[in-house]
Protein backbone atom coordinates (compact mmCIF):
# COMPACT_ATOMS: atom_id res chain seq x y z
CA MET A 1 6.09 52.32 10.21
CA ALA A 2 4.31 50.42 7.55
CA LYS A 3 6.24 47.61 5.55
CA ASN A 4 6.33 47.71 2.29
CA THR A 5 2.71 45.79 0.58
CA PHE A 6 3.75 46.40 -2.79
CA SER A 7 6.81 43.74 -2.46
CA SER A 8 5.89 39.69 -3.73
CA GLU A 9 9.19 38.66 -2.43
CA PHE A 10 6.91 37.10 0.67
CA ARG A 11 5.45 34.91 -2.00
CA ASN A 12 6.80 31.75 -1.98
CA ILE A 13 3.59 29.23 -3.05
CA ASP A 14 2.87 29.48 -6.15
CA VAL A 15 -0.85 29.09 -6.11
CA ASP A 16 -2.25 29.56 -9.65
CA GLN A 17 -0.82 25.49 -9.58
CA TYR A 18 -4.41 24.69 -7.11
CA ASN A 19 -6.63 26.59 -9.61
CA GLU A 20 -9.50 24.01 -11.04
CA ASP A 21 -8.56 23.83 -14.10
CA ASN A 22 -4.89 23.20 -13.97
CA TYR A 23 -6.08 19.89 -11.94
CA LYS A 24 -5.47 16.27 -13.60
CA ASP A 25 -7.05 13.28 -12.49
CA GLU A 26 -4.78 10.02 -11.07
CA ASP A 27 -3.31 9.58 -14.49
CA ALA A 28 -0.09 8.23 -12.99
CA ALA A 29 -1.95 5.70 -11.22
CA ASP A 30 -3.57 4.75 -14.35
CA ALA A 31 -0.22 4.56 -16.55
CA GLN A 32 1.51 2.03 -14.56
CA THR A 33 1.10 -1.86 -16.01
CA HIS A 34 -1.11 -4.20 -15.01
CA ILE A 35 0.79 -7.70 -13.90
CA GLY A 36 -1.53 -10.01 -14.88
CA ILE A 37 -1.75 -13.50 -13.26
CA GLU A 38 -2.45 -16.39 -14.93
CA GLU A 39 -5.70 -17.81 -14.38
CA SER A 40 -4.34 -21.77 -14.30
CA THR A 41 -1.67 -20.67 -11.31
CA ILE A 42 -5.22 -19.38 -9.85
CA ILE A 43 -6.98 -22.55 -10.42
CA SER A 44 -4.01 -24.50 -9.29
CA LEU A 45 -3.98 -23.12 -6.04
CA MET A 46 -7.04 -23.78 -4.86
CA ASN A 47 -6.88 -27.45 -6.96
CA GLN A 48 -3.91 -27.69 -3.70
CA GLY A 49 -6.35 -25.90 -1.04
CA ASN A 50 -4.72 -23.15 -0.81
CA HIS A 51 -7.44 -20.61 -0.95
CA ALA A 52 -5.66 -17.17 0.78
CA GLU A 53 -2.56 -18.03 -1.42
CA ALA A 54 -4.50 -17.27 -4.57
CA LEU A 55 -6.71 -14.80 -2.75
CA LYS A 56 -3.72 -12.83 -1.33
CA MET A 57 -1.84 -13.23 -5.36
CA LEU A 58 -5.53 -11.62 -6.74
CA LEU A 59 -5.84 -8.24 -4.07
CA GLN A 60 -1.96 -7.35 -4.65
CA THR A 61 -2.01 -7.42 -8.47
CA ALA A 62 -5.87 -6.06 -8.51
CA PRO A 63 -6.45 -3.89 -11.45
CA MET A 64 -7.75 -0.43 -10.17
CA THR A 65 -8.05 2.22 -12.32
CA SER A 66 -10.69 5.00 -12.72
CA LYS A 67 -14.07 4.51 -13.29
CA GLY A 68 -14.32 2.84 -17.24
CA ARG A 69 -10.11 2.35 -17.91
CA ASN A 70 -9.55 -1.32 -18.99
CA ASP A 71 -12.78 -2.83 -18.65
CA GLN A 72 -11.09 -5.94 -19.66
CA ALA A 73 -8.24 -6.76 -16.85
CA LYS A 74 -10.79 -5.84 -14.52
CA GLU A 75 -13.55 -8.37 -15.75
CA ALA A 76 -11.14 -11.14 -15.78
CA HIS A 77 -10.06 -10.48 -12.39
CA LEU A 78 -12.98 -9.63 -10.61
CA ASN A 79 -14.14 -13.38 -12.13
CA LEU A 80 -11.46 -15.13 -10.30
CA VAL A 81 -11.90 -13.67 -7.70
CA LEU A 82 -15.43 -14.20 -7.45
CA LYS A 83 -14.77 -17.43 -8.40
CA VAL A 84 -12.22 -18.22 -4.93
CA LEU A 85 -14.51 -16.04 -3.18
CA LEU A 86 -17.33 -18.74 -3.47
CA ALA A 87 -14.75 -22.32 -3.69
CA VAL A 88 -14.07 -21.42 0.63
CA ASN A 89 -15.78 -23.26 3.07
CA LYS A 90 -17.42 -20.64 5.71
CA SER A 91 -14.81 -22.35 8.40
CA GLN A 92 -11.63 -21.08 6.17
CA MET A 93 -12.92 -17.47 6.33
CA ASP A 94 -11.90 -16.11 9.55
CA GLN A 95 -8.49 -17.64 8.62
CA ILE A 96 -8.18 -16.72 5.02
CA ILE A 97 -9.20 -13.08 6.76
CA THR A 98 -6.59 -13.37 9.43
CA VAL A 99 -3.76 -13.28 6.71
CA LEU A 100 -4.65 -10.02 4.79
CA ASP A 101 -3.60 -6.93 6.32
CA SER A 102 -5.64 -3.36 5.56
CA THR A 103 -4.81 -2.24 2.38
CA MET A 104 -6.38 -6.20 1.04
CA LEU A 105 -9.22 -5.97 3.02
CA ASP A 106 -10.31 -2.55 1.82
CA VAL A 107 -9.44 -4.03 -2.00
CA LEU A 108 -12.32 -7.86 -0.61
CA MET A 109 -14.59 -5.57 0.34
CA LYS A 110 -14.76 -3.15 -3.03
CA TYR A 111 -14.57 -6.99 -4.97
CA ILE A 112 -17.15 -8.35 -2.15
CA TYR A 113 -19.50 -4.80 -3.17
CA ARG A 114 -18.64 -5.73 -7.18
CA GLY A 115 -20.28 -9.37 -6.52
CA PHE A 116 -23.26 -7.69 -5.13
CA GLU A 117 -23.45 -6.30 -8.67
CA ARG A 118 -23.67 -9.54 -10.52
CA PRO A 119 -25.81 -12.38 -8.69
CA SER A 120 -25.35 -15.86 -9.47
CA GLU A 121 -27.41 -18.93 -7.71
CA ASN A 122 -26.31 -18.15 -4.24
CA SER A 123 -23.38 -15.62 -4.57
CA SER A 124 -25.09 -13.51 -2.58
CA ALA A 125 -25.29 -15.56 0.30
CA ILE A 126 -21.18 -16.67 0.26
CA LEU A 127 -21.10 -12.42 -0.30
CA LEU A 128 -22.75 -11.93 2.80
CA GLN A 129 -20.99 -13.97 5.15
CA TRP A 130 -17.31 -12.39 3.54
CA HIS A 131 -18.82 -9.19 4.01
CA GLU A 132 -19.78 -10.18 8.09
CA LYS A 133 -16.13 -11.52 8.40
CA VAL A 134 -13.93 -8.58 6.72
CA TYR A 135 -16.43 -5.74 8.19
CA ASN A 136 -16.15 -7.36 12.17
CA VAL A 137 -12.23 -7.11 11.18
CA ALA A 138 -11.66 -3.48 9.33
CA GLY A 139 -14.70 -1.81 10.73
CA VAL A 140 -16.95 0.98 9.44
CA GLY A 141 -13.64 2.03 8.26
CA CYS A 142 -13.49 -0.27 5.16
CA ILE A 143 -16.47 0.23 4.06
CA VAL A 144 -16.69 4.10 4.32
CA ARG A 145 -12.94 4.06 2.12
CA VAL A 146 -14.64 1.12 -0.40
CA LEU A 147 -17.32 3.76 -0.75
CA THR A 148 -15.64 6.67 -1.49
CA ASP A 149 -12.50 5.83 -3.40
CA ARG A 150 -12.39 6.61 -7.13
CA LYS A 151 -10.20 3.91 -7.97
CA ARG A 152 -12.81 0.99 -9.38
CA VAL A 153 -11.89 -2.67 -8.81
């Protein structure tokens, strides 16, 4: 016997919520307040020779939002990260990278690519060394995640 197909009681999921017109960009993530780090804190850590802790603090508090939002905070944070990256010796890079987890490595790779966008004297050579070290630890997946992520640093 045929069942009654005119009834809509079988429909438990509201498929209209997935309509393109109802899509909202990740505003909830953008609404989060950014906890800024004082530049003096980072500089004092660098003067103590604790580049790993300075970089770790910067990567944990990176302002990641959609493109075009909160540009001043992003630029200030980028300048601090580049200052730390360019101050590290090549022999210390491996030690610093081993302290970072996979999420921080992804954020670091984002900053490395952002640094390539603003080359200064000798910065590209140092950033290429960082890129090689991060790639050796995190692999191709890190690069793919960075290039496909909509959130920018």
